Amino acid sequence: MAEHFLERNDGIYVIHLNYDKTDNRVENLKWATKREKELHQFNNPNWEKIVEKRGEKIGKLNEGKVRIIKRQLKNEKNRINRIAKRFGVSDTQIHRIKKGENWSRVTEY
């Protein structure tokens, strides 16, 4: 729609001004640069929910796996590098889970 009805200017991305991607009316569309697109995205009133939902679907770890990792970290015999290899993530990721920097909302049962 934007390609046919809007002047392109500098932008290579099309943004939906009201954040509704199903609303493709010309007055709701605008060409934007990458930076403009990012700023618009971060101003989305539902941004926190979107990020949270994305986090559940992206990555090698989920809450269940993190619970297992946290249980294994309690055992002094388990080394971080072995846990990381077992779950296909970096040693740094396991270390951050251990310190509570990542996945702090997940509690071990």
PDB file of N, CA and C in Angstrom:
ATOM      1  N   MET A   1       0.823  -1.179   0.000  1.00  0.00           N
ATOM      2  CA  MET A   1       0.000   0.000   0.000  1.00  0.00           C
ATOM      3  C   MET A   1       0.879   1.260   0.000  1.00  0.00           C
ATOM      4  N   ALA A   2       1.889   1.278   0.899  1.00  0.00           N
ATOM      5  CA  ALA A   2       2.759   2.445   1.018  1.00  0.00           C
ATOM      6  C   ALA A   2       3.541   2.675  -0.269  1.00  0.00           C
ATOM      7  N   GLU A   3       3.990   1.594  -0.898  1.00  0.00           N
ATOM      8  CA  GLU A   3       4.773   1.725  -2.122  1.00  0.00           C
ATOM      9  C   GLU A   3       3.990   2.440  -3.216  1.00  0.00           C
ATOM     10  N   HIS A   4       2.704   2.237  -3.253  1.00  0.00           N
ATOM     11  CA  HIS A   4       1.880   2.820  -4.304  1.00  0.00           C
ATOM     12  C   HIS A   4       1.355   4.215  -3.981  1.00  0.00           C
ATOM     13  N   PHE A   5       1.136   4.508  -2.714  1.00  0.00           N
ATOM     14  CA  PHE A   5       0.426   5.736  -2.377  1.00  0.00           C
ATOM     15  C   PHE A   5       1.206   6.752  -1.548  1.00  0.00           C
ATOM     16  N   LEU A   6       2.376   6.372  -1.008  1.00  0.00           N
ATOM     17  CA  LEU A   6       3.145   7.310  -0.181  1.00  0.00           C
ATOM     18  C   LEU A   6       4.485   7.648  -0.824  1.00  0.00           C
ATOM     19  N   GLU A   7       4.876   8.907  -0.699  1.00  0.00           N
ATOM     20  CA  GLU A   7       6.196   9.302  -1.170  1.00  0.00           C
ATOM     21  C   GLU A   7       7.234   8.707  -0.228  1.00  0.00           C
ATOM     22  N   ARG A   8       8.271   8.132  -0.793  1.00  0.00           N
ATOM     23  CA  ARG A   8       9.205   7.330  -0.010  1.00  0.00           C
ATOM     24  C   ARG A   8      10.146   8.147   0.868  1.00  0.00           C
ATOM     25  N   ASN A   9      10.660   9.255   0.466  1.00  0.00           N
ATOM     26  CA  ASN A   9      11.653  10.034   1.217  1.00  0.00           C
ATOM     27  C   ASN A   9      12.880   9.189   1.532  1.00  0.00           C
ATOM     28  N   ASP A  10      13.403   9.268   2.773  1.00  0.00           N
ATOM     29  CA  ASP A  10      14.615   8.534   3.155  1.00  0.00           C
ATOM     30  C   ASP A  10      14.319   7.145   3.706  1.00  0.00           C
ATOM     31  N   GLY A  11      13.091   6.884   4.050  1.00  0.00           N
ATOM     32  CA  GLY A  11      12.753   5.652   4.752  1.00  0.00           C
ATOM     33  C   GLY A  11      12.771   4.416   3.880  1.00  0.00           C
ATOM     34  N   ILE A  12      13.102   3.299   4.520  1.00  0.00           N
ATOM     35  CA  ILE A  12      13.027   2.007   3.840  1.00  0.00           C
ATOM     36  C   ILE A  12      12.059   1.071   4.557  1.00  0.00           C
ATOM     37  N   TYR A  13      11.553   1.510   5.709  1.00  0.00           N
ATOM     38  CA  TYR A  13      10.598   0.724   6.491  1.00  0.00           C
ATOM     39  C   TYR A  13       9.240   1.425   6.482  1.00  0.00           C
ATOM     40  N   VAL A  14       8.199   0.643   6.601  1.00  0.00           N
ATOM     41  CA  VAL A  14       6.857   1.207   6.727  1.00  0.00           C
ATOM     42  C   VAL A  14       6.381   0.961   8.148  1.00  0.00           C
ATOM     43  N   ILE A  15       5.933   2.023   8.810  1.00  0.00           N
ATOM     44  CA  ILE A  15       5.400   1.866  10.168  1.00  0.00           C
ATOM     45  C   ILE A  15       3.909   2.150  10.162  1.00  0.00           C
ATOM     46  N   HIS A  16       3.215   1.549  11.110  1.00  0.00           N
ATOM     47  CA  HIS A  16       1.783   1.794  11.315  1.00  0.00           C
ATOM     48  C   HIS A  16       1.671   2.796  12.450  1.00  0.00           C
ATOM     49  N   LEU A  17       1.174   3.959  12.167  1.00  0.00           N
ATOM     50  CA  LEU A  17       1.145   5.041  13.153  1.00  0.00           C
ATOM     51  C   LEU A  17       0.339   4.694  14.401  1.00  0.00           C
ATOM     52  N   ASN A  18      -0.721   3.893  14.257  1.00  0.00           N
ATOM     53  CA  ASN A  18      -1.530   3.532  15.423  1.00  0.00           C
ATOM     54  C   ASN A  18      -1.123   2.170  16.002  1.00  0.00           C
ATOM     55  N   TYR A  19      -0.004   1.611  15.546  1.00  0.00           N
ATOM     56  CA  TYR A  19       0.569   0.353  16.035  1.00  0.00           C
ATOM     57  C   TYR A  19      -0.257  -0.876  15.670  1.00  0.00           C
ATOM     58  N   ASP A  20      -1.306  -0.709  14.903  1.00  0.00           N
ATOM     59  CA  ASP A  20      -2.160  -1.830  14.500  1.00  0.00           C
ATOM     60  C   ASP A  20      -1.749  -2.275  13.098  1.00  0.00           C
ATOM     61  N   LYS A  21      -1.059  -3.409  13.012  1.00  0.00           N
ATOM     62  CA  LYS A  21      -0.537  -3.877  11.728  1.00  0.00           C
ATOM     63  C   LYS A  21      -1.614  -4.375  10.781  1.00  0.00           C
ATOM     64  N   THR A  22      -2.825  -4.481  11.258  1.00  0.00           N
ATOM     65  CA  THR A  22      -3.919  -4.883  10.375  1.00  0.00           C
ATOM     66  C   THR A  22      -4.603  -3.670   9.746  1.00  0.00           C
ATOM     67  N   ASP A  23      -4.279  -2.482  10.240  1.00  0.00           N
ATOM     68  CA  ASP A  23      -4.878  -1.245   9.732  1.00  0.00           C
ATOM     69  C   ASP A  23      -3.959  -0.657   8.658  1.00  0.00           C
ATOM     70  N   ASN A  24      -4.210  -1.005   7.403  1.00  0.00           N
ATOM     71  CA  ASN A  24      -3.346  -0.590   6.305  1.00  0.00           C
ATOM     72  C   ASN A  24      -3.884   0.600   5.515  1.00  0.00           C
ATOM     73  N   ARG A  25      -4.655   1.426   6.175  1.00  0.00           N
ATOM     74  CA  ARG A  25      -5.124   2.645   5.513  1.00  0.00           C
ATOM     75  C   ARG A  25      -3.917   3.554   5.263  1.00  0.00           C
ATOM     76  N   VAL A  26      -3.931   4.263   4.151  1.00  0.00           N
ATOM     77  CA  VAL A  26      -2.812   5.133   3.779  1.00  0.00           C
ATOM     78  C   VAL A  26      -2.490   6.136   4.884  1.00  0.00           C
ATOM     79  N   GLU A  27      -3.511   6.706   5.509  1.00  0.00           N
ATOM     80  CA  GLU A  27      -3.260   7.703   6.559  1.00  0.00           C
ATOM     81  C   GLU A  27      -2.644   7.095   7.825  1.00  0.00           C
ATOM     82  N   ASN A  28      -2.618   5.783   7.921  1.00  0.00           N
ATOM     83  CA  ASN A  28      -2.011   5.122   9.077  1.00  0.00           C
ATOM     84  C   ASN A  28      -0.586   4.659   8.777  1.00  0.00           C
ATOM     85  N   LEU A  29      -0.126   4.802   7.558  1.00  0.00           N
ATOM     86  CA  LEU A  29       1.201   4.317   7.162  1.00  0.00           C
ATOM     87  C   LEU A  29       2.173   5.470   6.967  1.00  0.00           C
ATOM     88  N   LYS A  30       3.449   5.173   7.229  1.00  0.00           N
ATOM     89  CA  LYS A  30       4.486   6.189   7.042  1.00  0.00           C
ATOM     90  C   LYS A  30       5.805   5.491   6.758  1.00  0.00           C
ATOM     91  N   TRP A  31       6.557   6.038   5.804  1.00  0.00           N
ATOM     92  CA  TRP A  31       7.911   5.543   5.561  1.00  0.00           C
ATOM     93  C   TRP A  31       8.797   6.038   6.691  1.00  0.00           C
ATOM     94  N   ALA A  32       9.739   5.183   7.142  1.00  0.00           N
ATOM     95  CA  ALA A  32      10.604   5.573   8.254  1.00  0.00           C
ATOM     96  C   ALA A  32      12.000   4.993   8.073  1.00  0.00           C
ATOM     97  N   THR A  33      12.973   5.677   8.650  1.00  0.00           N
ATOM     98  CA  THR A  33      14.333   5.140   8.687  1.00  0.00           C
ATOM     99  C   THR A  33      14.374   4.066   9.771  1.00  0.00           C
ATOM    100  N   LYS A  34      15.474   3.357   9.855  1.00  0.00           N
ATOM    101  CA  LYS A  34      15.601   2.312  10.879  1.00  0.00           C
ATOM    102  C   LYS A  34      15.447   2.919  12.274  1.00  0.00           C
ATOM    103  N   ARG A  35      16.092   4.045  12.512  1.00  0.00           N
ATOM    104  CA  ARG A  35      16.026   4.694  13.832  1.00  0.00           C
ATOM    105  C   ARG A  35      14.601   5.150  14.158  1.00  0.00           C
ATOM    106  N   GLU A  36      13.923   5.728  13.186  1.00  0.00           N
ATOM    107  CA  GLU A  36      12.538   6.164  13.397  1.00  0.00           C
ATOM    108  C   GLU A  36      11.638   4.967  13.709  1.00  0.00           C
ATOM    109  N   LYS A  37      11.880   3.863  13.002  1.00  0.00           N
ATOM    110  CA  LYS A  37      11.099   2.648  13.240  1.00  0.00           C
ATOM    111  C   LYS A  37      11.317   2.137  14.668  1.00  0.00           C
ATOM    112  N   GLU A  38      12.571   2.126  15.106  1.00  0.00           N
ATOM    113  CA  GLU A  38      12.881   1.663  16.463  1.00  0.00           C
ATOM    114  C   GLU A  38      12.237   2.551  17.520  1.00  0.00           C
ATOM    115  N   LEU A  39      12.361   3.857  17.349  1.00  0.00           N
ATOM    116  CA  LEU A  39      11.761   4.783  18.323  1.00  0.00           C
ATOM    117  C   LEU A  39      10.244   4.623  18.376  1.00  0.00           C
ATOM    118  N   HIS A  40       9.637   4.472  17.208  1.00  0.00           N
ATOM    119  CA  HIS A  40       8.183   4.267  17.148  1.00  0.00           C
ATOM    120  C   HIS A  40       7.803   2.964  17.862  1.00  0.00           C
ATOM    121  N   GLN A  41       8.580   1.925  17.620  1.00  0.00           N
ATOM    122  CA  GLN A  41       8.324   0.616  18.229  1.00  0.00           C
ATOM    123  C   GLN A  41       8.408   0.685  19.754  1.00  0.00           C
ATOM    124  N   PHE A  42       9.432   1.379  20.270  1.00  0.00           N
ATOM    125  CA  PHE A  42       9.619   1.469  21.722  1.00  0.00           C
ATOM    126  C   PHE A  42       8.543   2.313  22.390  1.00  0.00           C
ATOM    127  N   ASN A  43       7.893   3.173  21.622  1.00  0.00           N
ATOM    128  CA  ASN A  43       6.807   3.986  22.167  1.00  0.00           C
ATOM    129  C   ASN A  43       5.464   3.273  22.149  1.00  0.00           C
ATOM    130  N   ASN A  44       5.435   2.081  21.584  1.00  0.00           N
ATOM    131  CA  ASN A  44       4.204   1.297  21.527  1.00  0.00           C
ATOM    132  C   ASN A  44       3.713   1.038  22.946  1.00  0.00           C
ATOM    133  N   PRO A  45       2.466   1.365  23.263  1.00  0.00           N
ATOM    134  CA  PRO A  45       1.954   1.158  24.627  1.00  0.00           C
ATOM    135  C   PRO A  45       1.972  -0.309  25.060  1.00  0.00           C
ATOM    136  N   ASN A  46       2.024  -1.223  24.115  1.00  0.00           N
ATOM    137  CA  ASN A  46       2.054  -2.652  24.449  1.00  0.00           C
ATOM    138  C   ASN A  46       3.455  -3.246  24.356  1.00  0.00           C
ATOM    139  N   TRP A  47       4.493  -2.417  24.300  1.00  0.00           N
ATOM    140  CA  TRP A  47       5.855  -2.888  24.066  1.00  0.00           C
ATOM    141  C   TRP A  47       6.311  -3.927  25.095  1.00  0.00           C
ATOM    142  N   GLU A  48       6.046  -3.707  26.364  1.00  0.00           N
ATOM    143  CA  GLU A  48       6.494  -4.647  27.402  1.00  0.00           C
ATOM    144  C   GLU A  48       5.862  -6.025  27.211  1.00  0.00           C
ATOM    145  N   LYS A  49       4.591  -6.061  26.872  1.00  0.00           N
ATOM    146  CA  LYS A  49       3.910  -7.339  26.629  1.00  0.00           C
ATOM    147  C   LYS A  49       4.491  -8.039  25.403  1.00  0.00           C
ATOM    148  N   ILE A  50       4.810  -7.261  24.374  1.00  0.00           N
ATOM    149  CA  ILE A  50       5.382  -7.828  23.152  1.00  0.00           C
ATOM    150  C   ILE A  50       6.736  -8.466  23.449  1.00  0.00           C
ATOM    151  N   VAL A  51       7.574  -7.773  24.189  1.00  0.00           N
ATOM    152  CA  VAL A  51       8.901  -8.283  24.528  1.00  0.00           C
ATOM    153  C   VAL A  51       8.783  -9.541  25.372  1.00  0.00           C
ATOM    154  N   GLU A  52       7.885  -9.527  26.345  1.00  0.00           N
ATOM    155  CA  GLU A  52       7.693 -10.684  27.214  1.00  0.00           C
ATOM    156  C   GLU A  52       7.236 -11.898  26.397  1.00  0.00           C
ATOM    157  N   LYS A  53       6.305 -11.682  25.496  1.00  0.00           N
ATOM    158  CA  LYS A  53       5.795 -12.763  24.662  1.00  0.00           C
ATOM    159  C   LYS A  53       6.886 -13.307  23.748  1.00  0.00           C
ATOM    160  N   ARG A  54       7.693 -12.410  23.183  1.00  0.00           N
ATOM    161  CA  ARG A  54       8.808 -12.817  22.329  1.00  0.00           C
ATOM    162  C   ARG A  54       9.795 -13.677  23.092  1.00  0.00           C
ATOM    163  N   GLY A  55      10.088 -13.259  24.310  1.00  0.00           N
ATOM    164  CA  GLY A  55      11.050 -13.972  25.132  1.00  0.00           C
ATOM    165  C   GLY A  55      10.638 -15.405  25.419  1.00  0.00           C
ATOM    166  N   GLU A  56       9.349 -15.660  25.452  1.00  0.00           N
ATOM    167  CA  GLU A  56       8.866 -17.009  25.714  1.00  0.00           C
ATOM    168  C   GLU A  56       9.093 -17.928  24.520  1.00  0.00           C
ATOM    169  N   LYS A  57       9.171 -17.364  23.329  1.00  0.00           N
ATOM    170  CA  LYS A  57       9.249 -18.170  22.119  1.00  0.00           C
ATOM    171  C   LYS A  57      10.638 -18.232  21.509  1.00  0.00           C
ATOM    172  N   ILE A  58      11.497 -17.297  21.858  1.00  0.00           N
ATOM    173  CA  ILE A  58      12.813 -17.204  21.236  1.00  0.00           C
ATOM    174  C   ILE A  58      13.865 -17.715  22.207  1.00  0.00           C
ATOM    175  N   GLY A  59      14.844 -18.382  21.679  1.00  0.00           N
ATOM    176  CA  GLY A  59      15.966 -18.816  22.491  1.00  0.00           C
ATOM    177  C   GLY A  59      15.925 -20.300  22.772  1.00  0.00           C
ATOM    178  N   LYS A  60      17.003 -20.761  23.334  1.00  0.00           N
ATOM    179  CA  LYS A  60      17.147 -22.185  23.603  1.00  0.00           C
ATOM    180  C   LYS A  60      16.558 -22.580  24.949  1.00  0.00           C
ATOM    181  N   LEU A  61      16.387 -21.595  25.823  1.00  0.00           N
ATOM    182  CA  LEU A  61      15.912 -21.898  27.167  1.00  0.00           C
ATOM    183  C   LEU A  61      14.457 -21.487  27.349  1.00  0.00           C
ATOM    184  N   ASN A  62      13.789 -22.220  28.210  1.00  0.00           N
ATOM    185  CA  ASN A  62      12.443 -21.850  28.638  1.00  0.00           C
ATOM    186  C   ASN A  62      12.405 -21.997  30.157  1.00  0.00           C
ATOM    187  N   GLU A  63      11.275 -21.712  30.757  1.00  0.00           N
ATOM    188  CA  GLU A  63      11.202 -21.739  32.228  1.00  0.00           C
ATOM    189  C   GLU A  63      11.526 -23.114  32.796  1.00  0.00           C
ATOM    190  N   GLY A  64      11.045 -24.151  32.162  1.00  0.00           N
ATOM    191  CA  GLY A  64      11.312 -25.507  32.649  1.00  0.00           C
ATOM    192  C   GLY A  64      12.790 -25.837  32.647  1.00  0.00           C
ATOM    193  N   LYS A  65      13.465 -25.500  31.560  1.00  0.00           N
ATOM    194  CA  LYS A  65      14.906 -25.769  31.470  1.00  0.00           C
ATOM    195  C   LYS A  65      15.678 -24.941  32.488  1.00  0.00           C
ATOM    196  N   VAL A  66      15.252 -23.698  32.704  1.00  0.00           N
ATOM    197  CA  VAL A  66      15.945 -22.841  33.668  1.00  0.00           C
ATOM    198  C   VAL A  66      15.774 -23.385  35.088  1.00  0.00           C
ATOM    199  N   ARG A  67      14.613 -23.931  35.389  1.00  0.00           N
ATOM    200  CA  ARG A  67      14.421 -24.555  36.713  1.00  0.00           C
ATOM    201  C   ARG A  67      15.407 -25.702  36.914  1.00  0.00           C
ATOM    202  N   ILE A  68      15.566 -26.520  35.869  1.00  0.00           N
ATOM    203  CA  ILE A  68      16.510 -27.638  35.944  1.00  0.00           C
ATOM    204  C   ILE A  68      17.934 -27.105  36.126  1.00  0.00           C
ATOM    205  N   ILE A  69      18.283 -26.080  35.374  1.00  0.00           N
ATOM    206  CA  ILE A  69      19.622 -25.482  35.485  1.00  0.00           C
ATOM    207  C   ILE A  69      19.849 -24.972  36.903  1.00  0.00           C
ATOM    208  N   LYS A  70      18.855 -24.299  37.464  1.00  0.00           N
ATOM    209  CA  LYS A  70      19.016 -23.762  38.820  1.00  0.00           C
ATOM    210  C   LYS A  70      19.189 -24.879  39.849  1.00  0.00           C
ATOM    211  N   ARG A  71      18.473 -25.988  39.657  1.00  0.00           N
ATOM    212  CA  ARG A  71      18.670 -27.140  40.550  1.00  0.00           C
ATOM    213  C   ARG A  71      20.079 -27.705  40.409  1.00  0.00           C
ATOM    214  N   GLN A  72      20.556 -27.800  39.157  1.00  0.00           N
ATOM    215  CA  GLN A  72      21.890 -28.346  38.929  1.00  0.00           C
ATOM    216  C   GLN A  72      22.976 -27.426  39.474  1.00  0.00           C
ATOM    217  N   LEU A  73      22.732 -26.127  39.452  1.00  0.00           N
ATOM    218  CA  LEU A  73      23.713 -25.179  39.983  1.00  0.00           C
ATOM    219  C   LEU A  73      23.869 -25.295  41.497  1.00  0.00           C
ATOM    220  N   LYS A  74      22.832 -25.768  42.167  1.00  0.00           N
ATOM    221  CA  LYS A  74      22.932 -25.940  43.619  1.00  0.00           C
ATOM    222  C   LYS A  74      23.899 -27.059  44.001  1.00  0.00           C
ATOM    223  N   ASN A  75      24.047 -28.033  43.112  1.00  0.00           N
ATOM    224  CA  ASN A  75      24.968 -29.143  43.358  1.00  0.00           C
ATOM    225  C   ASN A  75      26.386 -28.694  43.012  1.00  0.00           C
ATOM    226  N   GLU A  76      27.261 -28.659  44.001  1.00  0.00           N
ATOM    227  CA  GLU A  76      28.638 -28.178  43.824  1.00  0.00           C
ATOM    228  C   GLU A  76      29.415 -29.006  42.791  1.00  0.00           C
ATOM    229  N   LYS A  77      29.025 -30.268  42.573  1.00  0.00           N
ATOM    230  CA  LYS A  77      29.752 -31.134  41.647  1.00  0.00           C
ATOM    231  C   LYS A  77      29.511 -30.763  40.183  1.00  0.00           C
ATOM    232  N   ASN A  78      28.397 -30.104  39.906  1.00  0.00           N
ATOM    233  CA  ASN A  78      28.088 -29.699  38.524  1.00  0.00           C
ATOM    234  C   ASN A  78      28.864 -28.444  38.166  1.00  0.00           C
ATOM    235  N   ARG A  79      29.617 -28.528  37.078  1.00  0.00           N
ATOM    236  CA  ARG A  79      30.377 -27.376  36.621  1.00  0.00           C
ATOM    237  C   ARG A  79      29.570 -26.581  35.603  1.00  0.00           C
ATOM    238  N   ILE A  80      29.774 -25.275  35.612  1.00  0.00           N
ATOM    239  CA  ILE A  80      29.039 -24.380  34.724  1.00  0.00           C
ATOM    240  C   ILE A  80      29.216 -24.778  33.265  1.00  0.00           C
ATOM    241  N   ASN A  81      30.448 -25.110  32.874  1.00  0.00           N
ATOM    242  CA  ASN A  81      30.686 -25.437  31.458  1.00  0.00           C
ATOM    243  C   ASN A  81      29.960 -26.711  31.037  1.00  0.00           C
ATOM    244  N   ARG A  82      29.810 -27.664  31.936  1.00  0.00           N
ATOM    245  CA  ARG A  82      29.077 -28.892  31.596  1.00  0.00           C
ATOM    246  C   ARG A  82      27.574 -28.635  31.480  1.00  0.00           C
ATOM    247  N   ILE A  83      27.053 -27.815  32.369  1.00  0.00           N
ATOM    248  CA  ILE A  83      25.630 -27.460  32.299  1.00  0.00           C
ATOM    249  C   ILE A  83      25.362 -26.712  31.000  1.00  0.00           C
ATOM    250  N   ALA A  84      26.249 -25.777  30.661  1.00  0.00           N
ATOM    251  CA  ALA A  84      26.096 -24.997  29.429  1.00  0.00           C
ATOM    252  C   ALA A  84      26.093 -25.910  28.207  1.00  0.00           C
ATOM    253  N   LYS A  85      27.008 -26.839  28.178  1.00  0.00           N
ATOM    254  CA  LYS A  85      27.090 -27.761  27.038  1.00  0.00           C
ATOM    255  C   LYS A  85      25.830 -28.618  26.939  1.00  0.00           C
ATOM    256  N   ARG A  86      25.346 -29.069  28.079  1.00  0.00           N
ATOM    257  CA  ARG A  86      24.141 -29.900  28.115  1.00  0.00           C
ATOM    258  C   ARG A  86      22.927 -29.180  27.531  1.00  0.00           C
ATOM    259  N   PHE A  87      22.835 -27.874  27.770  1.00  0.00           N
ATOM    260  CA  PHE A  87      21.675 -27.107  27.315  1.00  0.00           C
ATOM    261  C   PHE A  87      21.942 -26.302  26.037  1.00  0.00           C
ATOM    262  N   GLY A  88      23.157 -26.384  25.507  1.00  0.00           N
ATOM    263  CA  GLY A  88      23.483 -25.714  24.252  1.00  0.00           C
ATOM    264  C   GLY A  88      23.551 -24.205  24.349  1.00  0.00           C
ATOM    265  N   VAL A  89      23.990 -23.714  25.512  1.00  0.00           N
ATOM    266  CA  VAL A  89      24.138 -22.270  25.704  1.00  0.00           C
ATOM    267  C   VAL A  89      25.563 -21.978  26.170  1.00  0.00           C
ATOM    268  N   SER A  90      25.902 -20.719  26.292  1.00  0.00           N
ATOM    269  CA  SER A  90      27.258 -20.342  26.696  1.00  0.00           C
ATOM    270  C   SER A  90      27.437 -20.449  28.215  1.00  0.00           C
ATOM    271  N   ASP A  91      28.700 -20.545  28.611  1.00  0.00           N
ATOM    272  CA  ASP A  91      29.026 -20.527  30.042  1.00  0.00           C
ATOM    273  C   ASP A  91      28.533 -19.221  30.674  1.00  0.00           C
ATOM    274  N   THR A  92      28.657 -18.137  29.910  1.00  0.00           N
ATOM    275  CA  THR A  92      28.226 -16.820  30.403  1.00  0.00           C
ATOM    276  C   THR A  92      26.738 -16.818  30.728  1.00  0.00           C
ATOM    277  N   GLN A  93      25.942 -17.441  29.873  1.00  0.00           N
ATOM    278  CA  GLN A  93      24.490 -17.503  30.119  1.00  0.00           C
ATOM    279  C   GLN A  93      24.204 -18.235  31.440  1.00  0.00           C
ATOM    280  N   ILE A  94      24.869 -19.356  31.662  1.00  0.00           N
ATOM    281  CA  ILE A  94      24.664 -20.123  32.906  1.00  0.00           C
ATOM    282  C   ILE A  94      25.127 -19.294  34.106  1.00  0.00           C
ATOM    283  N   HIS A  95      26.256 -18.618  33.959  1.00  0.00           N
ATOM    284  CA  HIS A  95      26.762 -17.782  35.049  1.00  0.00           C
ATOM    285  C   HIS A  95      25.771 -16.667  35.385  1.00  0.00           C
ATOM    286  N   ARG A  96      25.173 -16.071  34.360  1.00  0.00           N
ATOM    287  CA  ARG A  96      24.191 -15.002  34.588  1.00  0.00           C
ATOM    288  C   ARG A  96      22.924 -15.540  35.259  1.00  0.00           C
ATOM    289  N   ILE A  97      22.534 -16.747  34.917  1.00  0.00           N
ATOM    290  CA  ILE A  97      21.385 -17.370  35.590  1.00  0.00           C
ATOM    291  C   ILE A  97      21.729 -17.592  37.055  1.00  0.00           C
ATOM    292  N   LYS A  98      22.924 -18.064  37.295  1.00  0.00           N
ATOM    293  CA  LYS A  98      23.373 -18.329  38.670  1.00  0.00           C
ATOM    294  C   LYS A  98      23.382 -17.050  39.506  1.00  0.00           C
ATOM    295  N   LYS A  99      23.846 -15.933  38.922  1.00  0.00           N
ATOM    296  CA  LYS A  99      23.916 -14.664  39.638  1.00  0.00           C
ATOM    297  C   LYS A  99      22.572 -13.955  39.724  1.00  0.00           C
ATOM    298  N   GLY A 100      21.582 -14.432  38.949  1.00  0.00           N
ATOM    299  CA  GLY A 100      20.269 -13.804  38.965  1.00  0.00           C
ATOM    300  C   GLY A 100      20.125 -12.655  37.977  1.00  0.00           C
ATOM    301  N   GLU A 101      21.098 -12.484  37.088  1.00  0.00           N
ATOM    302  CA  GLU A 101      21.016 -11.417  36.087  1.00  0.00           C
ATOM    303  C   GLU A 101      20.002 -11.777  34.999  1.00  0.00           C
ATOM    304  N   ASN A 102      19.938 -13.048  34.649  1.00  0.00           N
ATOM    305  CA  ASN A 102      18.989 -13.532  33.644  1.00  0.00           C
ATOM    306  C   ASN A 102      18.051 -14.533  34.296  1.00  0.00           C
ATOM    307  N   TRP A 103      16.819 -14.531  33.861  1.00  0.00           N
ATOM    308  CA  TRP A 103      15.798 -15.488  34.318  1.00  0.00           C
ATOM    309  C   TRP A 103      15.571 -15.415  35.829  1.00  0.00           C
ATOM    310  N   SER A 104      15.690 -14.242  36.411  1.00  0.00           N
ATOM    311  CA  SER A 104      15.535 -14.108  37.873  1.00  0.00           C
ATOM    312  C   SER A 104      14.087 -14.352  38.311  1.00  0.00           C
ATOM    313  N   ARG A 105      13.129 -14.176  37.384  1.00  0.00           N
ATOM    314  CA  ARG A 105      11.723 -14.376  37.754  1.00  0.00           C
ATOM    315  C   ARG A 105      11.375 -15.848  37.916  1.00  0.00           C
ATOM    316  N   VAL A 106      12.234 -16.737  37.392  1.00  0.00           N
ATOM    317  CA  VAL A 106      11.965 -18.170  37.470  1.00  0.00           C
ATOM    318  C   VAL A 106      12.521 -18.692  38.783  1.00  0.00           C
ATOM    319  N   THR A 107      11.623 -19.315  39.543  1.00  0.00           N
ATOM    320  CA  THR A 107      12.070 -19.902  40.809  1.00  0.00           C
ATOM    321  C   THR A 107      12.148 -21.407  40.650  1.00  0.00           C
ATOM    322  N   GLU A 108      13.098 -21.957  41.337  1.00  0.00           N
ATOM    323  CA  GLU A 108      13.290 -23.411  41.307  1.00  0.00           C
ATOM    324  C   GLU A 108      12.276 -24.042  42.269  1.00  0.00           C
ATOM    325  N   TYR A 109      11.714 -25.138  41.893  1.00  0.00           N
ATOM    326  CA  TYR A 109      10.745 -25.813  42.775  1.00  0.00           C
ATOM    327  C   TYR A 109      11.447 -26.712  43.736  1.00  0.00           C
TER     328      TYR A 109
END
